[in-house]
Amino acid sequence: SAALEPLTVVSVEGGSAGQTSVYVNPAKSGSNKYFYRTGSAPLAYPGYGEAISQTVWDGEADITATTGNQVMIIETDSAGKALKAGVATVTAKA
């Protein structure tokens, strides 16, 4: 069965308290979508092709998260099926 491709995810302080700015490499292409989930480590990865129901993300907006938790970015196809994912440890603005 196919495996999720890895994304490199970086979390740095966001613009407001309790928020993080997240950078993803490689960036999504075409009609693909991003979703995210946050929580205490370790976050469980979705299966390849799994329908994702987490929070949709535009690839730019700050994400509300807790420093020391994890943030997972999931890239899906246009139908919301998981293709790639990556995790970072959150650094949020104090």
N, C-alpha and C. Protein backbone atom coordinates (compact mmCIF):
# COMPACT_ATOMS: atom_id res chain seq x y z
N SER A 1 0.85 -1.20 0.00
CA SER A 1 0.00 0.00 0.00
C SER A 1 0.88 1.24 0.00
N ALA A 2 0.36 2.32 -0.53
CA ALA A 2 1.12 3.56 -0.61
C ALA A 2 1.34 4.14 0.78
N ALA A 3 2.41 4.87 0.92
CA ALA A 3 2.72 5.53 2.19
C ALA A 3 2.60 7.03 2.01
N LEU A 4 2.29 7.70 3.11
CA LEU A 4 2.29 9.16 3.10
C LEU A 4 3.69 9.66 2.76
N GLU A 5 3.78 10.69 1.95
CA GLU A 5 5.06 11.35 1.73
C GLU A 5 5.30 12.31 2.88
N PRO A 6 6.57 12.47 3.29
CA PRO A 6 6.85 13.37 4.41
C PRO A 6 6.83 14.83 3.99
N LEU A 7 6.35 15.68 4.88
CA LEU A 7 6.47 17.12 4.76
C LEU A 7 7.40 17.61 5.86
N THR A 8 8.24 18.58 5.55
CA THR A 8 9.02 19.26 6.58
C THR A 8 8.19 20.42 7.09
N VAL A 9 7.93 20.43 8.40
CA VAL A 9 7.07 21.44 9.02
C VAL A 9 7.90 22.17 10.07
N VAL A 10 7.83 23.50 10.04
CA VAL A 10 8.56 24.34 11.00
C VAL A 10 7.56 25.25 11.68
N SER A 11 7.68 25.37 13.01
CA SER A 11 6.80 26.21 13.81
C SER A 11 7.63 27.29 14.48
N VAL A 12 7.25 28.55 14.27
CA VAL A 12 7.90 29.69 14.93
C VAL A 12 6.82 30.56 15.56
N GLU A 13 7.23 31.50 16.41
CA GLU A 13 6.27 32.37 17.09
C GLU A 13 5.36 33.06 16.09
N GLY A 14 4.08 33.08 16.41
CA GLY A 14 3.10 33.77 15.58
C GLY A 14 2.98 35.23 15.96
N GLY A 15 1.97 35.89 15.40
CA GLY A 15 1.80 37.32 15.62
C GLY A 15 1.12 37.67 16.92
N SER A 16 0.37 36.74 17.48
CA SER A 16 -0.39 36.99 18.70
C SER A 16 -0.11 35.91 19.72
N ALA A 17 -0.38 36.22 20.98
CA ALA A 17 -0.15 35.25 22.06
C ALA A 17 -0.91 33.96 21.78
N GLY A 18 -0.23 32.83 21.98
CA GLY A 18 -0.86 31.53 21.81
C GLY A 18 -0.96 31.09 20.37
N GLN A 19 -0.27 31.80 19.47
CA GLN A 19 -0.33 31.43 18.06
C GLN A 19 1.06 31.11 17.52
N THR A 20 1.08 30.25 16.50
CA THR A 20 2.31 29.88 15.84
C THR A 20 2.17 30.12 14.34
N SER A 21 3.27 30.53 13.73
CA SER A 21 3.35 30.59 12.27
C SER A 21 4.02 29.31 11.81
N VAL A 22 3.43 28.66 10.81
CA VAL A 22 3.90 27.35 10.37
C VAL A 22 4.32 27.43 8.91
N TYR A 23 5.47 26.84 8.63
CA TYR A 23 6.01 26.79 7.27
C TYR A 23 6.14 25.33 6.86
N VAL A 24 5.79 25.05 5.61
CA VAL A 24 5.75 23.68 5.11
C VAL A 24 6.59 23.59 3.84
N ASN A 25 7.42 22.55 3.75
CA ASN A 25 8.22 22.31 2.56
C ASN A 25 8.15 20.82 2.21
N PRO A 26 7.89 20.48 0.96
CA PRO A 26 7.58 21.38 -0.15
C PRO A 26 6.16 21.93 -0.04
N ALA A 27 5.93 23.09 -0.64
CA ALA A 27 4.60 23.69 -0.61
C ALA A 27 3.63 22.86 -1.46
N LYS A 28 2.36 22.92 -1.10
CA LYS A 28 1.35 22.18 -1.85
C LYS A 28 1.20 22.76 -3.25
N SER A 29 0.70 21.93 -4.14
CA SER A 29 0.56 22.35 -5.53
C SER A 29 -0.88 22.17 -6.00
N GLY A 30 -1.23 22.90 -7.04
CA GLY A 30 -2.50 22.70 -7.71
C GLY A 30 -3.68 22.85 -6.79
N SER A 31 -4.60 21.90 -6.88
CA SER A 31 -5.85 21.96 -6.12
C SER A 31 -5.75 21.23 -4.79
N ASN A 32 -4.53 20.82 -4.40
CA ASN A 32 -4.38 20.15 -3.11
C ASN A 32 -4.76 21.10 -1.98
N LYS A 33 -5.08 20.52 -0.83
CA LYS A 33 -5.51 21.28 0.34
C LYS A 33 -4.62 20.93 1.53
N TYR A 34 -4.60 21.86 2.51
CA TYR A 34 -3.94 21.61 3.79
C TYR A 34 -4.99 21.49 4.89
N PHE A 35 -4.70 20.61 5.82
CA PHE A 35 -5.45 20.51 7.06
C PHE A 35 -4.43 20.47 8.19
N TYR A 36 -4.89 20.78 9.42
CA TYR A 36 -3.96 20.65 10.54
C TYR A 36 -4.66 20.07 11.74
N ARG A 37 -3.85 19.51 12.62
CA ARG A 37 -4.32 19.12 13.94
C ARG A 37 -3.20 19.48 14.92
N THR A 38 -3.59 19.77 16.15
CA THR A 38 -2.61 20.06 17.19
C THR A 38 -2.94 19.23 18.41
N GLY A 39 -1.96 19.04 19.26
CA GLY A 39 -2.17 18.31 20.50
C GLY A 39 -0.87 17.84 21.08
N SER A 40 -0.97 17.11 22.18
CA SER A 40 0.24 16.61 22.83
C SER A 40 0.83 15.47 22.01
N ALA A 41 2.14 15.36 22.08
CA ALA A 41 2.85 14.33 21.32
C ALA A 41 2.60 12.95 21.94
N PRO A 42 2.62 11.90 21.10
CA PRO A 42 2.78 11.95 19.65
C PRO A 42 1.43 11.99 18.94
N LEU A 43 1.30 12.82 17.94
CA LEU A 43 0.09 12.83 17.13
C LEU A 43 0.12 11.65 16.16
N ALA A 44 -1.02 11.03 15.97
CA ALA A 44 -1.10 9.88 15.07
C ALA A 44 -1.22 10.35 13.63
N TYR A 45 -0.44 9.76 12.76
CA TYR A 45 -0.52 10.08 11.34
C TYR A 45 -1.74 9.41 10.72
N PRO A 46 -2.38 10.09 9.76
CA PRO A 46 -3.46 9.43 9.03
C PRO A 46 -2.89 8.39 8.07
N GLY A 47 -3.73 7.52 7.57
CA GLY A 47 -3.32 6.60 6.54
C GLY A 47 -3.33 7.27 5.18
N TYR A 48 -2.54 6.75 4.26
CA TYR A 48 -2.54 7.29 2.90
C TYR A 48 -3.93 7.13 2.30
N GLY A 49 -4.46 8.23 1.74
CA GLY A 49 -5.78 8.18 1.13
C GLY A 49 -6.94 8.30 2.10
N GLU A 50 -6.62 8.43 3.40
CA GLU A 50 -7.67 8.57 4.41
C GLU A 50 -8.36 9.92 4.23
N ALA A 51 -9.67 9.94 4.39
CA ALA A 51 -10.42 11.19 4.32
C ALA A 51 -10.14 11.99 5.59
N ILE A 52 -9.73 13.25 5.42
CA ILE A 52 -9.30 14.07 6.55
C ILE A 52 -10.43 15.02 6.95
N SER A 53 -10.71 15.05 8.25
CA SER A 53 -11.80 15.89 8.76
C SER A 53 -11.30 16.90 9.78
N GLN A 54 -9.97 17.10 9.84
CA GLN A 54 -9.43 18.09 10.75
C GLN A 54 -9.72 19.49 10.21
N THR A 55 -9.08 20.48 10.81
CA THR A 55 -9.31 21.87 10.47
C THR A 55 -8.58 22.23 9.18
N VAL A 56 -9.31 22.80 8.23
CA VAL A 56 -8.69 23.22 6.98
C VAL A 56 -7.79 24.43 7.25
N TRP A 57 -6.70 24.53 6.50
CA TRP A 57 -5.71 25.60 6.70
C TRP A 57 -5.33 26.15 5.34
N ASP A 58 -5.18 27.48 5.28
CA ASP A 58 -4.89 28.12 3.99
C ASP A 58 -3.40 28.16 3.66
N GLY A 59 -2.57 27.62 4.56
CA GLY A 59 -1.13 27.61 4.31
C GLY A 59 -0.43 28.86 4.78
N GLU A 60 -1.19 29.83 5.28
CA GLU A 60 -0.59 31.11 5.68
C GLU A 60 -1.00 31.57 7.08
N ALA A 61 -2.25 31.38 7.45
CA ALA A 61 -2.76 31.93 8.70
C ALA A 61 -2.04 31.31 9.91
N ASP A 62 -1.84 32.15 10.94
CA ASP A 62 -1.32 31.62 12.19
C ASP A 62 -2.28 30.58 12.75
N ILE A 63 -1.73 29.62 13.48
CA ILE A 63 -2.50 28.53 14.08
C ILE A 63 -2.43 28.67 15.59
N THR A 64 -3.56 28.54 16.26
CA THR A 64 -3.59 28.57 17.72
C THR A 64 -3.11 27.22 18.25
N ALA A 65 -2.06 27.26 19.06
CA ALA A 65 -1.46 26.01 19.55
C ALA A 65 -0.66 26.33 20.80
N THR A 66 -0.28 25.27 21.50
CA THR A 66 0.43 25.39 22.78
C THR A 66 1.89 25.02 22.60
N THR A 67 2.78 25.89 23.06
CA THR A 67 4.22 25.60 22.98
C THR A 67 4.52 24.25 23.62
N GLY A 68 5.31 23.44 22.91
CA GLY A 68 5.68 22.12 23.40
C GLY A 68 4.76 21.02 22.90
N ASN A 69 3.56 21.38 22.46
CA ASN A 69 2.69 20.41 21.79
C ASN A 69 3.19 20.21 20.37
N GLN A 70 2.48 19.39 19.61
CA GLN A 70 2.82 19.19 18.21
C GLN A 70 1.76 19.81 17.32
N VAL A 71 2.19 20.21 16.13
CA VAL A 71 1.28 20.60 15.08
C VAL A 71 1.57 19.70 13.88
N MET A 72 0.53 19.09 13.33
CA MET A 72 0.66 18.24 12.15
C MET A 72 -0.03 18.93 10.99
N ILE A 73 0.68 19.04 9.88
CA ILE A 73 0.10 19.53 8.65
C ILE A 73 -0.12 18.33 7.74
N ILE A 74 -1.33 18.23 7.20
CA ILE A 74 -1.69 17.14 6.29
C ILE A 74 -2.04 17.76 4.95
N GLU A 75 -1.36 17.31 3.91
CA GLU A 75 -1.70 17.74 2.55
C GLU A 75 -2.58 16.67 1.93
N THR A 76 -3.69 17.12 1.35
CA THR A 76 -4.62 16.19 0.72
C THR A 76 -4.82 16.56 -0.75
N ASP A 77 -5.44 15.65 -1.47
CA ASP A 77 -5.88 15.99 -2.82
C ASP A 77 -7.13 16.87 -2.71
N SER A 78 -7.70 17.24 -3.84
CA SER A 78 -8.84 18.16 -3.84
C SER A 78 -10.06 17.58 -3.14
N ALA A 79 -10.10 16.25 -3.02
CA ALA A 79 -11.22 15.58 -2.35
C ALA A 79 -10.98 15.36 -0.86
N GLY A 80 -9.85 15.86 -0.34
CA GLY A 80 -9.58 15.73 1.09
C GLY A 80 -9.00 14.40 1.51
N LYS A 81 -8.37 13.67 0.57
CA LYS A 81 -7.73 12.39 0.89
C LYS A 81 -6.24 12.62 1.15
N ALA A 82 -5.74 12.09 2.26
CA ALA A 82 -4.37 12.38 2.71
C ALA A 82 -3.32 11.88 1.72
N LEU A 83 -2.36 12.75 1.39
CA LEU A 83 -1.23 12.41 0.53
C LEU A 83 0.10 12.53 1.26
N LYS A 84 0.25 13.57 2.06
CA LYS A 84 1.51 13.88 2.73
C LYS A 84 1.20 14.41 4.12
N ALA A 85 2.17 14.28 5.03
CA ALA A 85 1.99 14.85 6.36
C ALA A 85 3.34 15.06 7.01
N GLY A 86 3.36 15.98 7.94
CA GLY A 86 4.56 16.25 8.72
C GLY A 86 4.19 16.88 10.04
N VAL A 87 5.11 16.79 10.99
CA VAL A 87 4.87 17.28 12.35
C VAL A 87 6.01 18.19 12.77
N ALA A 88 5.67 19.22 13.55
CA ALA A 88 6.68 20.04 14.23
C ALA A 88 6.28 20.18 15.67
N THR A 89 7.27 20.41 16.53
CA THR A 89 7.00 20.82 17.90
C THR A 89 6.67 22.31 17.88
N VAL A 90 5.59 22.68 18.54
CA VAL A 90 5.07 24.04 18.47
C VAL A 90 5.93 25.02 19.25
N THR A 91 6.23 26.16 18.63
CA THR A 91 6.71 27.35 19.32
C THR A 91 5.66 28.43 19.11
N ALA A 92 4.93 28.76 20.16
CA ALA A 92 3.89 29.77 20.08
C ALA A 92 4.35 31.04 20.79
N LYS A 93 3.79 32.16 20.39
CA LYS A 93 4.12 33.43 21.04
C LYS A 93 3.59 33.43 22.45
N ALA A 94 4.43 33.82 23.39
CA ALA A 94 4.03 33.83 24.79
C ALA A 94 3.07 34.98 25.08
